[in-house]
Amino acid sequence: MKPTQITGRLWVLTTPDGALYDDIDTDMIFHNRYLHITDVAQMGQYALDNLRGWEDFAKRAQPGDIVMAGRNFGAGSSRQQAVDCFRALGIAAIVAESFGAIYKRNAINSGLPIVSLPGLADSAGAFHSGDTASVDFETGMVILNGTQTFAAQPFSQVQMDIYQAGDLFAYGKQIM
């Protein structure tokens, strides 16, 4: 059974002027110049290298880290590599105010934990890269540095089932 609560170091994706990044599209997450790469294990090194100010993210990220962003994370195409690059790095979860619809579905299907935190932009100043955050997928609670709590959306039952199985294909095998 996979853990339903994770704790990790936080990466808060901010613009060069310090605002929470909104509308990070799949080309910023995994640029099209790398689409020839088919080995998921090799994709992580290119995560966010087309996002201004975050080009070296993959070199600094560690397994178990948590990524946080603003509205509409993963907007744009159905580029699966934009999910797989985070899986390759061992990112424990992505927390954002909202997700692009296709990205959200791809992440859930791949078993990558994504959590929507409505109103994140209003409290973004509380979060800083390097902070420790705990995320409970069942309750939706996000706990910052062991003290401040924020109410995110918990996983739906289907999202939890897919996450626990590992991905959509493994889940499908379980219910057959």
Protein backbone atom coordinates (compact mmCIF):
# COMPACT_ATOMS: atom_id res chain seq x y z
CA MET A 1 0.00 0.00 0.00
CA LYS A 2 1.40 3.39 -0.97
CA PRO A 3 1.45 6.13 1.65
CA THR A 4 -1.56 8.47 1.58
CA GLN A 5 0.40 11.20 3.35
CA ILE A 6 3.76 12.42 2.13
CA THR A 7 6.22 14.95 3.49
CA GLY A 8 8.90 16.61 1.43
CA ARG A 9 10.90 19.65 0.56
CA LEU A 10 8.86 22.24 -1.28
CA TRP A 11 9.72 23.89 -4.60
CA VAL A 12 7.47 26.94 -5.09
CA LEU A 13 7.56 27.86 -8.77
CA THR A 14 7.75 31.64 -8.88
CA THR A 15 8.36 34.07 -11.71
CA PRO A 16 11.59 36.08 -11.82
CA ASP A 17 9.73 38.92 -10.03
CA GLY A 18 8.63 36.56 -7.23
CA ALA A 19 4.98 35.95 -8.16
CA LEU A 20 3.54 32.44 -8.18
CA TYR A 21 3.78 31.05 -11.71
CA ASP A 22 0.41 30.60 -13.46
CA ASP A 23 -0.25 28.94 -16.82
CA ILE A 24 2.86 26.76 -16.91
CA ASP A 25 2.30 24.85 -20.12
CA THR A 26 3.58 21.44 -21.10
CA ASP A 27 6.25 23.01 -23.34
CA MET A 28 7.68 24.82 -20.30
CA ILE A 29 7.61 21.60 -18.30
CA PHE A 30 9.15 19.40 -21.01
CA HIS A 31 10.24 21.24 -24.16
CA ASN A 32 9.46 19.81 -27.57
CA ARG A 33 13.18 19.66 -28.45
CA TYR A 34 13.35 16.55 -26.19
CA LEU A 35 10.39 14.66 -27.65
CA HIS A 36 12.75 12.18 -29.32
CA ILE A 37 13.54 10.78 -25.85
CA THR A 38 11.41 7.72 -25.18
CA ASP A 39 13.09 6.34 -22.04
CA VAL A 40 11.15 7.77 -19.07
CA ALA A 41 14.23 7.47 -16.85
CA GLN A 42 16.03 9.97 -19.10
CA MET A 43 13.22 12.57 -19.10
CA GLY A 44 13.75 13.90 -15.59
CA GLN A 45 16.92 15.79 -16.43
CA TYR A 46 14.90 18.12 -18.67
CA ALA A 47 12.05 18.93 -16.27
CA LEU A 48 11.22 22.65 -16.29
CA ASP A 49 14.32 23.57 -18.30
CA ASN A 50 12.15 25.76 -20.54
CA LEU A 51 10.63 27.69 -17.60
CA ARG A 52 12.36 31.01 -17.06
CA GLY A 53 14.24 31.00 -13.77
CA TRP A 54 13.86 27.22 -13.29
CA GLU A 55 16.18 25.88 -15.98
CA ASP A 56 18.33 24.09 -13.38
CA PHE A 57 15.45 22.58 -11.41
CA ALA A 58 16.22 19.00 -12.41
CA LYS A 59 19.78 19.29 -11.09
CA ARG A 60 18.55 20.51 -7.70
CA ALA A 61 15.42 18.38 -7.23
CA GLN A 62 15.57 15.21 -5.15
CA PRO A 63 13.26 12.22 -4.85
CA GLY A 64 10.44 13.01 -2.41
CA ASP A 65 10.31 16.73 -3.22
CA ILE A 66 6.98 18.50 -3.74
CA VAL A 67 6.38 21.03 -6.53
CA MET A 68 3.94 23.93 -6.03
CA ALA A 69 2.59 26.23 -8.72
CA GLY A 70 -0.30 28.58 -9.44
CA ARG A 71 -3.30 28.28 -11.70
CA ASN A 72 -3.60 26.07 -14.77
CA PHE A 73 -0.46 23.98 -14.26
CA GLY A 74 0.20 21.78 -17.29
CA ALA A 75 -1.88 23.81 -19.74
CA GLY A 76 -1.66 22.98 -23.39
CA SER A 77 -0.96 19.76 -25.18
CA SER A 78 -1.41 16.16 -24.15
CA ARG A 79 2.36 15.75 -23.81
CA GLN A 80 2.78 12.73 -21.51
CA GLN A 81 6.46 13.55 -21.06
CA ALA A 82 5.40 16.59 -18.98
CA VAL A 83 4.11 14.12 -16.38
CA ASP A 84 6.81 11.49 -16.84
CA CYS A 85 9.70 13.90 -16.28
CA PHE A 86 8.50 14.48 -12.69
CA ARG A 87 7.99 10.76 -12.15
CA ALA A 88 11.56 10.16 -13.36
CA LEU A 89 12.86 12.64 -10.77
CA GLY A 90 10.86 10.98 -8.00
CA ILE A 91 8.76 14.08 -7.31
CA ALA A 92 6.33 13.03 -4.56
CA ALA A 93 3.46 15.35 -5.53
CA ILE A 94 2.50 18.49 -7.39
CA VAL A 95 0.29 20.99 -5.59
CA ALA A 96 -1.28 23.77 -7.66
CA GLU A 97 -4.29 26.03 -7.52
CA SER A 98 -5.58 24.25 -10.61
CA PHE A 99 -4.39 21.98 -13.42
CA GLY A 100 -4.92 21.90 -17.16
CA ALA A 101 -7.58 19.29 -17.89
CA ILE A 102 -5.44 17.02 -20.07
CA TYR A 103 -2.45 17.28 -17.73
CA LYS A 104 -4.65 16.40 -14.77
CA ARG A 105 -5.98 13.29 -16.48
CA ASN A 106 -2.50 12.22 -17.64
CA ALA A 107 -1.06 12.68 -14.13
CA ILE A 108 -3.86 10.72 -12.47
CA ASN A 109 -3.61 7.95 -15.07
CA SER A 110 0.15 7.74 -14.48
CA GLY A 111 -0.20 7.61 -10.70
CA LEU A 112 1.56 10.98 -10.20
CA PRO A 113 -0.05 12.59 -7.14
CA ILE A 114 -1.50 15.98 -7.99
CA VAL A 115 -3.43 18.05 -5.49
CA SER A 116 -5.58 21.12 -6.19
CA LEU A 117 -5.35 23.83 -3.54
CA PRO A 118 -8.10 26.38 -4.27
CA GLY A 119 -7.17 29.89 -3.19
CA LEU A 120 -3.45 29.13 -3.27
CA ALA A 121 -2.71 32.46 -4.95
CA ASP A 122 -4.20 34.27 -1.94
CA SER A 123 -1.86 32.50 0.49
CA ALA A 124 1.14 32.00 -1.80
CA GLY A 125 3.31 34.29 0.35
CA ALA A 126 3.21 31.70 3.13
CA PHE A 127 5.02 29.11 0.97
CA HIS A 128 8.72 29.24 0.13
CA SER A 129 11.07 26.89 -1.67
CA GLY A 130 12.93 24.84 0.90
CA ASP A 131 10.01 24.72 3.33
CA THR A 132 8.75 21.33 4.45
CA ALA A 133 5.22 20.41 3.45
CA SER A 134 3.05 17.42 4.26
CA VAL A 135 0.17 16.52 1.97
CA ASP A 136 -2.58 14.11 2.96
CA PHE A 137 -4.21 12.71 -0.17
CA GLU A 138 -7.21 11.34 1.74
CA THR A 139 -8.15 14.51 3.63
CA GLY A 140 -6.63 17.14 1.36
CA MET A 141 -4.80 18.76 4.26
CA VAL A 142 -1.53 20.51 3.41
CA ILE A 143 0.62 21.26 6.45
CA LEU A 144 3.41 23.78 6.03
CA ASN A 145 6.47 23.45 8.28
CA GLY A 146 4.45 21.40 10.75
CA THR A 147 2.29 24.35 11.81
CA GLN A 148 0.14 26.06 9.18
CA THR A 149 -2.68 24.06 7.58
CA PHE A 150 -4.39 24.59 4.26
CA ALA A 151 -7.43 22.77 2.86
CA ALA A 152 -6.80 21.24 -0.55
CA GLN A 153 -9.08 18.90 -2.45
CA PRO A 154 -8.68 15.28 -1.35
CA PHE A 155 -8.22 12.56 -3.92
CA SER A 156 -11.40 11.18 -5.40
CA GLN A 157 -11.89 7.45 -4.85
CA VAL A 158 -10.88 6.69 -8.44
CA GLN A 159 -7.77 8.86 -8.18
CA MET A 160 -6.81 7.08 -4.95
CA ASP A 161 -7.44 3.66 -6.49
CA ILE A 162 -5.27 4.46 -9.52
CA TYR A 163 -2.53 5.94 -7.31
CA GLN A 164 -2.55 2.88 -5.03
CA ALA A 165 -2.38 0.53 -8.02
CA GLY A 166 0.54 2.46 -9.54
CA ASP A 167 -1.14 3.68 -12.72
CA LEU A 168 -4.30 3.25 -14.77
CA PHE A 169 -3.13 0.05 -16.47
CA ALA A 170 -2.32 -1.64 -13.18
CA TYR A 171 -5.66 -0.47 -11.79
CA GLY A 172 -7.46 -1.92 -14.81
CA LYS A 173 -5.80 -5.28 -14.21
CA GLN A 174 -6.96 -5.23 -10.59
CA ILE A 175 -10.61 -4.72 -11.45
CA MET A 176 -10.72 -7.30 -14.24
